[in-house]
PDB file of N, CA and C in Angstrom:
ATOM      1  N   MET A   1      -0.206  -4.724 -31.805  1.00  0.00           N
ATOM      2  CA  MET A   1       0.978  -4.116 -32.360  1.00  0.00           C
ATOM      3  C   MET A   1       2.133  -4.320 -31.375  1.00  0.00           C
ATOM      4  N   ARG A   2       3.283  -4.623 -31.882  1.00  0.00           N
ATOM      5  CA  ARG A   2       4.461  -4.826 -31.032  1.00  0.00           C
ATOM      6  C   ARG A   2       4.981  -3.487 -30.490  1.00  0.00           C
ATOM      7  N   LEU A   3       5.399  -3.500 -29.237  1.00  0.00           N
ATOM      8  CA  LEU A   3       5.903  -2.308 -28.574  1.00  0.00           C
ATOM      9  C   LEU A   3       7.081  -1.717 -29.345  1.00  0.00           C
ATOM     10  N   LYS A   4       7.974  -2.564 -29.815  1.00  0.00           N
ATOM     11  CA  LYS A   4       9.152  -2.083 -30.546  1.00  0.00           C
ATOM     12  C   LYS A   4       8.746  -1.255 -31.755  1.00  0.00           C
ATOM     13  N   GLU A   5       7.717  -1.699 -32.463  1.00  0.00           N
ATOM     14  CA  GLU A   5       7.234  -0.988 -33.639  1.00  0.00           C
ATOM     15  C   GLU A   5       6.694   0.394 -33.260  1.00  0.00           C
ATOM     16  N   LEU A   6       5.937   0.459 -32.172  1.00  0.00           N
ATOM     17  CA  LEU A   6       5.400   1.749 -31.713  1.00  0.00           C
ATOM     18  C   LEU A   6       6.521   2.701 -31.312  1.00  0.00           C
ATOM     19  N   ILE A   7       7.513   2.177 -30.624  1.00  0.00           N
ATOM     20  CA  ILE A   7       8.639   3.003 -30.183  1.00  0.00           C
ATOM     21  C   ILE A   7       9.344   3.627 -31.381  1.00  0.00           C
ATOM     22  N   GLU A   8       9.586   2.814 -32.397  1.00  0.00           N
ATOM     23  CA  GLU A   8      10.266   3.312 -33.594  1.00  0.00           C
ATOM     24  C   GLU A   8       9.417   4.337 -34.339  1.00  0.00           C
ATOM     25  N   LYS A   9       8.155   4.027 -34.558  1.00  0.00           N
ATOM     26  CA  LYS A   9       7.280   4.916 -35.314  1.00  0.00           C
ATOM     27  C   LYS A   9       7.028   6.238 -34.589  1.00  0.00           C
ATOM     28  N   CYS A  10       6.995   6.195 -33.261  1.00  0.00           N
ATOM     29  CA  CYS A  10       6.666   7.387 -32.472  1.00  0.00           C
ATOM     30  C   CYS A  10       7.903   8.097 -31.934  1.00  0.00           C
ATOM     31  N   GLU A  11       9.066   7.556 -32.251  1.00  0.00           N
ATOM     32  CA  GLU A  11      10.338   8.164 -31.830  1.00  0.00           C
ATOM     33  C   GLU A  11      10.404   8.376 -30.319  1.00  0.00           C
ATOM     34  N   LEU A  12      10.090   7.325 -29.574  1.00  0.00           N
ATOM     35  CA  LEU A  12      10.137   7.381 -28.118  1.00  0.00           C
ATOM     36  C   LEU A  12      11.510   6.933 -27.630  1.00  0.00           C
ATOM     37  N   LYS A  13      11.962   7.526 -26.548  1.00  0.00           N
ATOM     38  CA  LYS A  13      13.256   7.160 -25.961  1.00  0.00           C
ATOM     39  C   LYS A  13      13.045   6.017 -24.981  1.00  0.00           C
ATOM     40  N   VAL A  14      13.796   4.936 -25.135  1.00  0.00           N
ATOM     41  CA  VAL A  14      13.708   3.780 -24.248  1.00  0.00           C
ATOM     42  C   VAL A  14      14.627   4.019 -23.059  1.00  0.00           C
ATOM     43  N   VAL A  15      14.087   3.873 -21.856  1.00  0.00           N
ATOM     44  CA  VAL A  15      14.840   4.136 -20.626  1.00  0.00           C
ATOM     45  C   VAL A  15      15.295   2.835 -19.968  1.00  0.00           C
ATOM     46  N   THR A  16      14.510   1.789 -20.077  1.00  0.00           N
ATOM     47  CA  THR A  16      14.836   0.505 -19.462  1.00  0.00           C
ATOM     48  C   THR A  16      15.584  -0.380 -20.454  1.00  0.00           C
ATOM     49  N   THR A  17      16.150  -1.460 -19.951  1.00  0.00           N
ATOM     50  CA  THR A  17      16.897  -2.391 -20.807  1.00  0.00           C
ATOM     51  C   THR A  17      16.144  -3.707 -20.942  1.00  0.00           C
ATOM     52  N   LEU A  18      14.850  -3.630 -21.104  1.00  0.00           N
ATOM     53  CA  LEU A  18      13.997  -4.810 -21.200  1.00  0.00           C
ATOM     54  C   LEU A  18      13.695  -5.137 -22.666  1.00  0.00           C
ATOM     55  N   PRO A  19      13.312  -6.380 -22.944  1.00  0.00           N
ATOM     56  CA  PRO A  19      12.880  -6.721 -24.303  1.00  0.00           C
ATOM     57  C   PRO A  19      11.667  -5.881 -24.704  1.00  0.00           C
ATOM     58  N   LEU A  20      11.589  -5.559 -25.987  1.00  0.00           N
ATOM     59  CA  LEU A  20      10.522  -4.683 -26.483  1.00  0.00           C
ATOM     60  C   LEU A  20       9.546  -5.438 -27.369  1.00  0.00           C
ATOM     61  N   ASP A  21       9.364  -6.726 -27.093  1.00  0.00           N
ATOM     62  CA  ASP A  21       8.530  -7.553 -27.953  1.00  0.00           C
ATOM     63  C   ASP A  21       7.102  -7.724 -27.457  1.00  0.00           C
ATOM     64  N   ALA A  22       6.720  -7.030 -26.414  1.00  0.00           N
ATOM     65  CA  ALA A  22       5.360  -7.154 -25.875  1.00  0.00           C
ATOM     66  C   ALA A  22       4.328  -6.673 -26.886  1.00  0.00           C
ATOM     67  N   GLU A  23       3.172  -7.312 -26.861  1.00  0.00           N
ATOM     68  CA  GLU A  23       2.050  -6.911 -27.697  1.00  0.00           C
ATOM     69  C   GLU A  23       1.255  -5.834 -26.954  1.00  0.00           C
ATOM     70  N   VAL A  24       1.037  -4.700 -27.602  1.00  0.00           N
ATOM     71  CA  VAL A  24       0.270  -3.598 -27.029  1.00  0.00           C
ATOM     72  C   VAL A  24      -1.028  -3.484 -27.817  1.00  0.00           C
ATOM     73  N   THR A  25      -2.148  -3.513 -27.098  1.00  0.00           N
ATOM     74  CA  THR A  25      -3.444  -3.515 -27.771  1.00  0.00           C
ATOM     75  C   THR A  25      -4.246  -2.238 -27.566  1.00  0.00           C
ATOM     76  N   GLY A  26      -3.730  -1.306 -26.790  1.00  0.00           N
ATOM     77  CA  GLY A  26      -4.451  -0.063 -26.558  1.00  0.00           C
ATOM     78  C   GLY A  26      -3.591   0.914 -25.787  1.00  0.00           C
ATOM     79  N   GLY A  27      -4.174   2.025 -25.448  1.00  0.00           N
ATOM     80  CA  GLY A  27      -3.446   3.040 -24.706  1.00  0.00           C
ATOM     81  C   GLY A  27      -4.341   3.731 -23.700  1.00  0.00           C
ATOM     82  N   TYR A  28      -3.699   4.471 -22.792  1.00  0.00           N
ATOM     83  CA  TYR A  28      -4.448   5.235 -21.805  1.00  0.00           C
ATOM     84  C   TYR A  28      -3.632   6.463 -21.422  1.00  0.00           C
ATOM     85  N   ILE A  29      -4.322   7.578 -21.220  1.00  0.00           N
ATOM     86  CA  ILE A  29      -3.682   8.811 -20.768  1.00  0.00           C
ATOM     87  C   ILE A  29      -4.270   9.162 -19.425  1.00  0.00           C
ATOM     88  N   GLY A  30      -3.416   9.354 -18.431  1.00  0.00           N
ATOM     89  CA  GLY A  30      -3.927   9.746 -17.129  1.00  0.00           C
ATOM     90  C   GLY A  30      -2.829   9.955 -16.118  1.00  0.00           C
ATOM     91  N   ASP A  31      -3.094  10.850 -15.187  1.00  0.00           N
ATOM     92  CA  ASP A  31      -2.129  11.150 -14.132  1.00  0.00           C
ATOM     93  C   ASP A  31      -2.660  10.828 -12.738  1.00  0.00           C
ATOM     94  N   LEU A  32      -3.947  10.566 -12.645  1.00  0.00           N
ATOM     95  CA  LEU A  32      -4.554  10.191 -11.371  1.00  0.00           C
ATOM     96  C   LEU A  32      -4.492   8.666 -11.259  1.00  0.00           C
ATOM     97  N   LEU A  33      -3.698   8.162 -10.339  1.00  0.00           N
ATOM     98  CA  LEU A  33      -3.425   6.725 -10.267  1.00  0.00           C
ATOM     99  C   LEU A  33      -4.681   5.884 -10.091  1.00  0.00           C
ATOM    100  N   SER A  34      -5.612   6.333  -9.283  1.00  0.00           N
ATOM    101  CA  SER A  34      -6.834   5.555  -9.084  1.00  0.00           C
ATOM    102  C   SER A  34      -7.657   5.483 -10.369  1.00  0.00           C
ATOM    103  N   ASP A  35      -7.623   6.534 -11.170  1.00  0.00           N
ATOM    104  CA  ASP A  35      -8.316   6.519 -12.458  1.00  0.00           C
ATOM    105  C   ASP A  35      -7.667   5.515 -13.407  1.00  0.00           C
ATOM    106  N   VAL A  36      -6.368   5.507 -13.453  1.00  0.00           N
ATOM    107  CA  VAL A  36      -5.651   4.561 -14.319  1.00  0.00           C
ATOM    108  C   VAL A  36      -5.930   3.135 -13.860  1.00  0.00           C
ATOM    109  N   MET A  37      -5.903   2.897 -12.554  1.00  0.00           N
ATOM    110  CA  MET A  37      -6.190   1.553 -12.033  1.00  0.00           C
ATOM    111  C   MET A  37      -7.577   1.083 -12.417  1.00  0.00           C
ATOM    112  N   GLY A  38      -8.538   1.974 -12.412  1.00  0.00           N
ATOM    113  CA  GLY A  38      -9.910   1.597 -12.689  1.00  0.00           C
ATOM    114  C   GLY A  38     -10.292   1.560 -14.159  1.00  0.00           C
ATOM    115  N   ASN A  39      -9.498   2.204 -15.013  1.00  0.00           N
ATOM    116  CA  ASN A  39      -9.935   2.364 -16.400  1.00  0.00           C
ATOM    117  C   ASN A  39      -8.949   1.963 -17.490  1.00  0.00           C
ATOM    118  N   ALA A  40      -7.678   1.898 -17.189  1.00  0.00           N
ATOM    119  CA  ALA A  40      -6.707   1.550 -18.229  1.00  0.00           C
ATOM    120  C   ALA A  40      -6.838   0.068 -18.592  1.00  0.00           C
ATOM    121  N   PRO A  41      -6.797  -0.239 -19.880  1.00  0.00           N
ATOM    122  CA  PRO A  41      -6.894  -1.644 -20.283  1.00  0.00           C
ATOM    123  C   PRO A  41      -5.573  -2.385 -20.095  1.00  0.00           C
ATOM    124  N   ALA A  42      -5.663  -3.684 -19.891  1.00  0.00           N
ATOM    125  CA  ALA A  42      -4.458  -4.518 -19.845  1.00  0.00           C
ATOM    126  C   ALA A  42      -3.789  -4.482 -21.213  1.00  0.00           C
ATOM    127  N   HIS A  43      -2.515  -4.754 -21.236  1.00  0.00           N
ATOM    128  CA  HIS A  43      -1.717  -4.795 -22.479  1.00  0.00           C
ATOM    129  C   HIS A  43      -1.676  -3.445 -23.175  1.00  0.00           C
ATOM    130  N   SER A  44      -1.695  -2.378 -22.381  1.00  0.00           N
ATOM    131  CA  SER A  44      -1.727  -1.041 -22.963  1.00  0.00           C
ATOM    132  C   SER A  44      -0.412  -0.305 -22.737  1.00  0.00           C
ATOM    133  N   ILE A  45      -0.325   0.852 -23.389  1.00  0.00           N
ATOM    134  CA  ILE A  45       0.764   1.791 -23.177  1.00  0.00           C
ATOM    135  C   ILE A  45       0.141   2.995 -22.468  1.00  0.00           C
ATOM    136  N   TRP A  46       0.764   3.447 -21.383  1.00  0.00           N
ATOM    137  CA  TRP A  46       0.190   4.494 -20.528  1.00  0.00           C
ATOM    138  C   TRP A  46       1.019   5.760 -20.668  1.00  0.00           C
ATOM    139  N   LEU A  47       0.366   6.862 -20.976  1.00  0.00           N
ATOM    140  CA  LEU A  47       1.012   8.162 -21.089  1.00  0.00           C
ATOM    141  C   LEU A  47       0.683   8.983 -19.856  1.00  0.00           C
ATOM    142  N   THR A  48       1.727   9.558 -19.243  1.00  0.00           N
ATOM    143  CA  THR A  48       1.551  10.279 -17.988  1.00  0.00           C
ATOM    144  C   THR A  48       2.655  11.314 -17.806  1.00  0.00           C
ATOM    145  N   VAL A  49       2.521  12.125 -16.759  1.00  0.00           N
ATOM    146  CA  VAL A  49       3.595  13.004 -16.324  1.00  0.00           C
ATOM    147  C   VAL A  49       4.057  12.611 -14.917  1.00  0.00           C
ATOM    148  N   GLN A  50       3.569  11.492 -14.433  1.00  0.00           N
ATOM    149  CA  GLN A  50       3.977  10.962 -13.131  1.00  0.00           C
ATOM    150  C   GLN A  50       5.235  10.102 -13.316  1.00  0.00           C
ATOM    151  N   SER A  51       6.216  10.270 -12.447  1.00  0.00           N
ATOM    152  CA  SER A  51       7.464   9.517 -12.607  1.00  0.00           C
ATOM    153  C   SER A  51       7.899   8.763 -11.354  1.00  0.00           C
ATOM    154  N   HIS A  52       7.142   8.845 -10.285  1.00  0.00           N
ATOM    155  CA  HIS A  52       7.513   8.188  -9.034  1.00  0.00           C
ATOM    156  C   HIS A  52       7.250   6.677  -9.109  1.00  0.00           C
ATOM    157  N   THR A  53       7.746   5.936  -8.159  1.00  0.00           N
ATOM    158  CA  THR A  53       7.658   4.468  -8.209  1.00  0.00           C
ATOM    159  C   THR A  53       6.235   3.927  -8.057  1.00  0.00           C
ATOM    160  N   ASN A  54       5.305   4.704  -7.528  1.00  0.00           N
ATOM    161  CA  ASN A  54       3.932   4.214  -7.379  1.00  0.00           C
ATOM    162  C   ASN A  54       3.284   3.884  -8.718  1.00  0.00           C
ATOM    163  N   ILE A  55       3.741   4.506  -9.801  1.00  0.00           N
ATOM    164  CA  ILE A  55       3.168   4.205 -11.116  1.00  0.00           C
ATOM    165  C   ILE A  55       3.429   2.748 -11.503  1.00  0.00           C
ATOM    166  N   LEU A  56       4.499   2.182 -10.981  1.00  0.00           N
ATOM    167  CA  LEU A  56       4.845   0.798 -11.314  1.00  0.00           C
ATOM    168  C   LEU A  56       3.887  -0.186 -10.657  1.00  0.00           C
ATOM    169  N   ALA A  57       3.449   0.129  -9.454  1.00  0.00           N
ATOM    170  CA  ALA A  57       2.461  -0.724  -8.786  1.00  0.00           C
ATOM    171  C   ALA A  57       1.155  -0.713  -9.580  1.00  0.00           C
ATOM    172  N   VAL A  58       0.744   0.456 -10.023  1.00  0.00           N
ATOM    173  CA  VAL A  58      -0.482   0.569 -10.814  1.00  0.00           C
ATOM    174  C   VAL A  58      -0.336  -0.206 -12.118  1.00  0.00           C
ATOM    175  N   ALA A  59       0.773  -0.025 -12.799  1.00  0.00           N
ATOM    176  CA  ALA A  59       1.008  -0.722 -14.068  1.00  0.00           C
ATOM    177  C   ALA A  59       0.996  -2.233 -13.873  1.00  0.00           C
ATOM    178  N   SER A  60       1.572  -2.702 -12.794  1.00  0.00           N
ATOM    179  CA  SER A  60       1.605  -4.146 -12.517  1.00  0.00           C
ATOM    180  C   SER A  60       0.210  -4.697 -12.269  1.00  0.00           C
ATOM    181  N   ILE A  61      -0.580  -3.980 -11.500  1.00  0.00           N
ATOM    182  CA  ILE A  61      -1.944  -4.422 -11.189  1.00  0.00           C
ATOM    183  C   ILE A  61      -2.787  -4.495 -12.454  1.00  0.00           C
ATOM    184  N   VAL A  62      -2.676  -3.490 -13.307  1.00  0.00           N
ATOM    185  CA  VAL A  62      -3.506  -3.390 -14.504  1.00  0.00           C
ATOM    186  C   VAL A  62      -3.006  -4.299 -15.628  1.00  0.00           C
ATOM    187  N   GLY A  63      -1.698  -4.514 -15.685  1.00  0.00           N
ATOM    188  CA  GLY A  63      -1.124  -5.275 -16.793  1.00  0.00           C
ATOM    189  C   GLY A  63      -0.647  -4.379 -17.921  1.00  0.00           C
ATOM    190  N   ILE A  64      -0.279  -3.162 -17.578  1.00  0.00           N
ATOM    191  CA  ILE A  64       0.250  -2.197 -18.544  1.00  0.00           C
ATOM    192  C   ILE A  64       1.645  -2.639 -18.950  1.00  0.00           C
ATOM    193  N   LYS A  65       1.939  -2.584 -20.237  1.00  0.00           N
ATOM    194  CA  LYS A  65       3.215  -3.066 -20.761  1.00  0.00           C
ATOM    195  C   LYS A  65       4.306  -2.006 -20.779  1.00  0.00           C
ATOM    196  N   ALA A  66       3.916  -0.731 -20.934  1.00  0.00           N
ATOM    197  CA  ALA A  66       4.907   0.346 -21.006  1.00  0.00           C
ATOM    198  C   ALA A  66       4.297   1.648 -20.514  1.00  0.00           C
ATOM    199  N   ILE A  67       5.168   2.491 -19.972  1.00  0.00           N
ATOM    200  CA  ILE A  67       4.764   3.810 -19.490  1.00  0.00           C
ATOM    201  C   ILE A  67       5.592   4.850 -20.228  1.00  0.00           C
ATOM    202  N   VAL A  68       4.913   5.849 -20.803  1.00  0.00           N
ATOM    203  CA  VAL A  68       5.582   6.949 -21.484  1.00  0.00           C
ATOM    204  C   VAL A  68       5.490   8.187 -20.600  1.00  0.00           C
ATOM    205  N   LEU A  69       6.634   8.718 -20.232  1.00  0.00           N
ATOM    206  CA  LEU A  69       6.700   9.962 -19.473  1.00  0.00           C
ATOM    207  C   LEU A  69       6.827  11.106 -20.481  1.00  0.00           C
ATOM    208  N   CYS A  70       5.828  11.960 -20.519  1.00  0.00           N
ATOM    209  CA  CYS A  70       5.750  13.018 -21.529  1.00  0.00           C
ATOM    210  C   CYS A  70       6.285  14.346 -20.999  1.00  0.00           C
ATOM    211  N   ASN A  71       6.238  15.366 -21.847  1.00  0.00           N
ATOM    212  CA  ASN A  71       6.606  16.752 -21.497  1.00  0.00           C
ATOM    213  C   ASN A  71       8.084  16.923 -21.162  1.00  0.00           C
ATOM    214  N   ASP A  72       8.943  16.108 -21.763  1.00  0.00           N
ATOM    215  CA  ASP A  72      10.394  16.186 -21.567  1.00  0.00           C
ATOM    216  C   ASP A  72      10.805  15.993 -20.101  1.00  0.00           C
ATOM    217  N   LEU A  73      10.001  15.205 -19.385  1.00  0.00           N
ATOM    218  CA  LEU A  73      10.337  14.842 -18.006  1.00  0.00           C
ATOM    219  C   LEU A  73      11.163  13.555 -18.030  1.00  0.00           C
ATOM    220  N   HIS A  74      11.827  13.251 -16.908  1.00  0.00           N
ATOM    221  CA  HIS A  74      12.714  12.094 -16.872  1.00  0.00           C
ATOM    222  C   HIS A  74      12.478  11.262 -15.614  1.00  0.00           C
ATOM    223  N   PHE A  75      12.617   9.940 -15.769  1.00  0.00           N
ATOM    224  CA  PHE A  75      12.465   9.020 -14.648  1.00  0.00           C
ATOM    225  C   PHE A  75      13.706   9.058 -13.758  1.00  0.00           C
ATOM    226  N   GLU A  76      13.482   8.901 -12.454  1.00  0.00           N
ATOM    227  CA  GLU A  76      14.601   8.775 -11.520  1.00  0.00           C
ATOM    228  C   GLU A  76      15.179   7.373 -11.632  1.00  0.00           C
ATOM    229  N   GLU A  77      16.402   7.211 -11.243  1.00  0.00           N
ATOM    230  CA  GLU A  77      17.092   5.920 -11.334  1.00  0.00           C
ATOM    231  C   GLU A  77      16.371   4.836 -10.530  1.00  0.00           C
ATOM    232  N   VAL A  78      15.853   5.179  -9.371  1.00  0.00           N
ATOM    233  CA  VAL A  78      15.150   4.195  -8.545  1.00  0.00           C
ATOM    234  C   VAL A  78      13.900   3.673  -9.268  1.00  0.00           C
ATOM    235  N   THR A  79      13.213   4.535  -9.979  1.00  0.00           N
ATOM    236  CA  THR A  79      12.035   4.107 -10.741  1.00  0.00           C
ATOM    237  C   THR A  79      12.457   3.202 -11.891  1.00  0.00           C
ATOM    238  N   ARG A  80      13.526   3.548 -12.572  1.00  0.00           N
ATOM    239  CA  ARG A  80      14.018   2.729 -13.683  1.00  0.00           C
ATOM    240  C   ARG A  80      14.391   1.331 -13.206  1.00  0.00           C
ATOM    241  N   LYS A  81      15.118   1.250 -12.109  1.00  0.00           N
ATOM    242  CA  LYS A  81      15.534  -0.055 -11.580  1.00  0.00           C
ATOM    243  C   LYS A  81      14.340  -0.908 -11.183  1.00  0.00           C
ATOM    244  N   LYS A  82      13.386  -0.291 -10.505  1.00  0.00           N
ATOM    245  CA  LYS A  82      12.196  -1.035 -10.065  1.00  0.00           C
ATOM    246  C   LYS A  82      11.352  -1.474 -11.264  1.00  0.00           C
ATOM    247  N   ALA A  83      11.302  -0.659 -12.307  1.00  0.00           N
ATOM    248  CA  ALA A  83      10.565  -1.026 -13.518  1.00  0.00           C
ATOM    249  C   ALA A  83      11.184  -2.269 -14.152  1.00  0.00           C
ATOM    250  N   GLU A  84      12.489  -2.322 -14.191  1.00  0.00           N
ATOM    251  CA  GLU A  84      13.155  -3.492 -14.767  1.00  0.00           C
ATOM    252  C   GLU A  84      12.889  -4.740 -13.926  1.00  0.00           C
ATOM    253  N   GLU A  85      12.858  -4.597 -12.613  1.00  0.00           N
ATOM    254  CA  GLU A  85      12.537  -5.729 -11.736  1.00  0.00           C
ATOM    255  C   GLU A  85      11.116  -6.242 -11.988  1.00  0.00           C
ATOM    256  N   ASN A  86      10.220  -5.339 -12.396  1.00  0.00           N
ATOM    257  CA  ASN A  86       8.816  -5.688 -12.615  1.00  0.00           C
ATOM    258  C   ASN A  86       8.458  -5.862 -14.092  1.00  0.00           C
ATOM    259  N   SER A  87       9.459  -5.843 -14.963  1.00  0.00           N
ATOM    260  CA  SER A  87       9.272  -6.033 -16.414  1.00  0.00           C
ATOM    261  C   SER A  87       8.294  -5.040 -17.029  1.00  0.00           C
ATOM    262  N   ILE A  88       8.433  -3.774 -16.638  1.00  0.00           N
ATOM    263  CA  ILE A  88       7.624  -2.701 -17.217  1.00  0.00           C
ATOM    264  C   ILE A  88       8.564  -1.767 -17.966  1.00  0.00           C
ATOM    265  N   VAL A  89       8.334  -1.616 -19.254  1.00  0.00           N
ATOM    266  CA  VAL A  89       9.178  -0.772 -20.091  1.00  0.00           C
ATOM    267  C   VAL A  89       8.865   0.697 -19.816  1.00  0.00           C
ATOM    268  N   LEU A  90       9.917   1.481 -19.601  1.00  0.00           N
ATOM    269  CA  LEU A  90       9.768   2.921 -19.410  1.00  0.00           C
ATOM    270  C   LEU A  90      10.271   3.640 -20.652  1.00  0.00           C
ATOM    271  N   LEU A  91       9.486   4.616 -21.083  1.00  0.00           N
ATOM    272  CA  LEU A  91       9.796   5.406 -22.269  1.00  0.00           C
ATOM    273  C   LEU A  91       9.651   6.878 -21.933  1.00  0.00           C
ATOM    274  N   GLU A  92      10.351   7.724 -22.678  1.00  0.00           N
ATOM    275  CA  GLU A  92      10.239   9.169 -22.479  1.00  0.00           C
ATOM    276  C   GLU A  92      10.017   9.863 -23.817  1.00  0.00           C
ATOM    277  N   SER A  93       9.352  11.022 -23.738  1.00  0.00           N
ATOM    278  CA  SER A  93       9.130  11.847 -24.919  1.00  0.00           C
ATOM    279  C   SER A  93       9.167  13.315 -24.513  1.00  0.00           C
ATOM    280  N   ALA A  94       9.725  14.128 -25.379  1.00  0.00           N
ATOM    281  CA  ALA A  94       9.711  15.574 -25.159  1.00  0.00           C
ATOM    282  C   ALA A  94       8.340  16.160 -25.483  1.00  0.00           C
ATOM    283  N   GLU A  95       7.512  15.391 -26.174  1.00  0.00           N
ATOM    284  CA  GLU A  95       6.206  15.868 -26.603  1.00  0.00           C
ATOM    285  C   GLU A  95       5.159  15.762 -25.486  1.00  0.00           C
ATOM    286  N   THR A  96       4.041  16.450 -25.687  1.00  0.00           N
ATOM    287  CA  THR A  96       2.922  16.371 -24.752  1.00  0.00           C
ATOM    288  C   THR A  96       2.204  15.028 -24.923  1.00  0.00           C
ATOM    289  N   SER A  97       1.369  14.696 -23.967  1.00  0.00           N
ATOM    290  CA  SER A  97       0.567  13.474 -24.065  1.00  0.00           C
ATOM    291  C   SER A  97      -0.304  13.492 -25.309  1.00  0.00           C
ATOM    292  N   PHE A  98      -0.860  14.639 -25.639  1.00  0.00           N
ATOM    293  CA  PHE A  98      -1.695  14.766 -26.830  1.00  0.00           C
ATOM    294  C   PHE A  98      -0.892  14.459 -28.093  1.00  0.00           C
ATOM    295  N   GLU A  99       0.302  15.030 -28.180  1.00  0.00           N
ATOM    296  CA  GLU A  99       1.138  14.816 -29.361  1.00  0.00           C
ATOM    297  C   GLU A  99       1.563  13.351 -29.492  1.00  0.00           C
ATOM    298  N   VAL A 100       1.925  12.724 -28.387  1.00  0.00           N
ATOM    299  CA  VAL A 100       2.310  11.314 -28.428  1.00  0.00           C
ATOM    300  C   VAL A 100       1.110  10.450 -28.800  1.00  0.00           C
ATOM    301  N   THR A 101      -0.052  10.774 -28.261  1.00  0.00           N
ATOM    302  CA  THR A 101      -1.262  10.022 -28.601  1.00  0.00           C
ATOM    303  C   THR A 101      -1.540  10.106 -30.098  1.00  0.00           C
ATOM    304  N   THR A 102      -1.402  11.270 -30.672  1.00  0.00           N
ATOM    305  CA  THR A 102      -1.601  11.451 -32.110  1.00  0.00           C
ATOM    306  C   THR A 102      -0.644  10.544 -32.888  1.00  0.00           C
ATOM    307  N   ARG A 103       0.605  10.496 -32.470  1.00  0.00           N
ATOM    308  CA  ARG A 103       1.589   9.625 -33.134  1.00  0.00           C
ATOM    309  C   ARG A 103       1.200   8.147 -32.997  1.00  0.00           C
ATOM    310  N   LEU A 104       0.763   7.750 -31.808  1.00  0.00           N
ATOM    311  CA  LEU A 104       0.373   6.353 -31.590  1.00  0.00           C
ATOM    312  C   LEU A 104      -0.785   5.952 -32.494  1.00  0.00           C
ATOM    313  N   ILE A 105      -1.764   6.820 -32.607  1.00  0.00           N
ATOM    314  CA  ILE A 105      -2.928   6.521 -33.456  1.00  0.00           C
ATOM    315  C   ILE A 105      -2.514   6.470 -34.925  1.00  0.00           C
ATOM    316  N   LYS A 106      -1.703   7.426 -35.363  1.00  0.00           N
ATOM    317  CA  LYS A 106      -1.224   7.423 -36.752  1.00  0.00           C
ATOM    318  C   LYS A 106      -0.372   6.187 -37.038  1.00  0.00           C
ATOM    319  N   SER A 107       0.259   5.637 -36.019  1.00  0.00           N
ATOM    320  CA  SER A 107       1.080   4.438 -36.182  1.00  0.00           C
ATOM    321  C   SER A 107       0.252   3.165 -36.267  1.00  0.00           C
ATOM    322  N   GLY A 108      -1.045   3.283 -36.002  1.00  0.00           N
ATOM    323  CA  GLY A 108      -1.934   2.134 -36.130  1.00  0.00           C
ATOM    324  C   GLY A 108      -2.453   1.563 -34.832  1.00  0.00           C
ATOM    325  N   LEU A 109      -2.096   2.161 -33.693  1.00  0.00           N
ATOM    326  CA  LEU A 109      -2.612   1.665 -32.407  1.00  0.00           C
ATOM    327  C   LEU A 109      -4.079   2.048 -32.285  1.00  0.00           C
ATOM    328  N   LYS A 110      -4.885   1.083 -31.920  1.00  0.00           N
ATOM    329  CA  LYS A 110      -6.312   1.323 -31.733  1.00  0.00           C
ATOM    330  C   LYS A 110      -6.610   1.476 -30.249  1.00  0.00           C
ATOM    331  N   GLY A 111      -7.652   2.222 -29.936  1.00  0.00           N
ATOM    332  CA  GLY A 111      -8.036   2.488 -28.567  1.00  0.00           C
ATOM    333  C   GLY A 111      -8.448   1.265 -27.844  1.00  0.00           C
TER     334      GLY A 111
END
């Protein structure tokens, strides 16, 4: 499924100015970086409440296409800039990780 389609269907706020044409094949929810590194699938969308720049290193290693910051939290400017340098789309939602996951599944994203 194309990232742009998921963003529209799930009403996610786009924070970066990157193209939204990446193919997303799964998702992962987690806040412990070592867990995400060891278990998140490549080409996935990652839901978290972590907003610091270390999440970008994890996303790059794993091959995560986008990160959704949940619970109405916001990325700092330094994280946004570094995400654009690394071609990782940043998204925000006022909803909880559970609520966003429900929307992603209803939109047709498979685990």
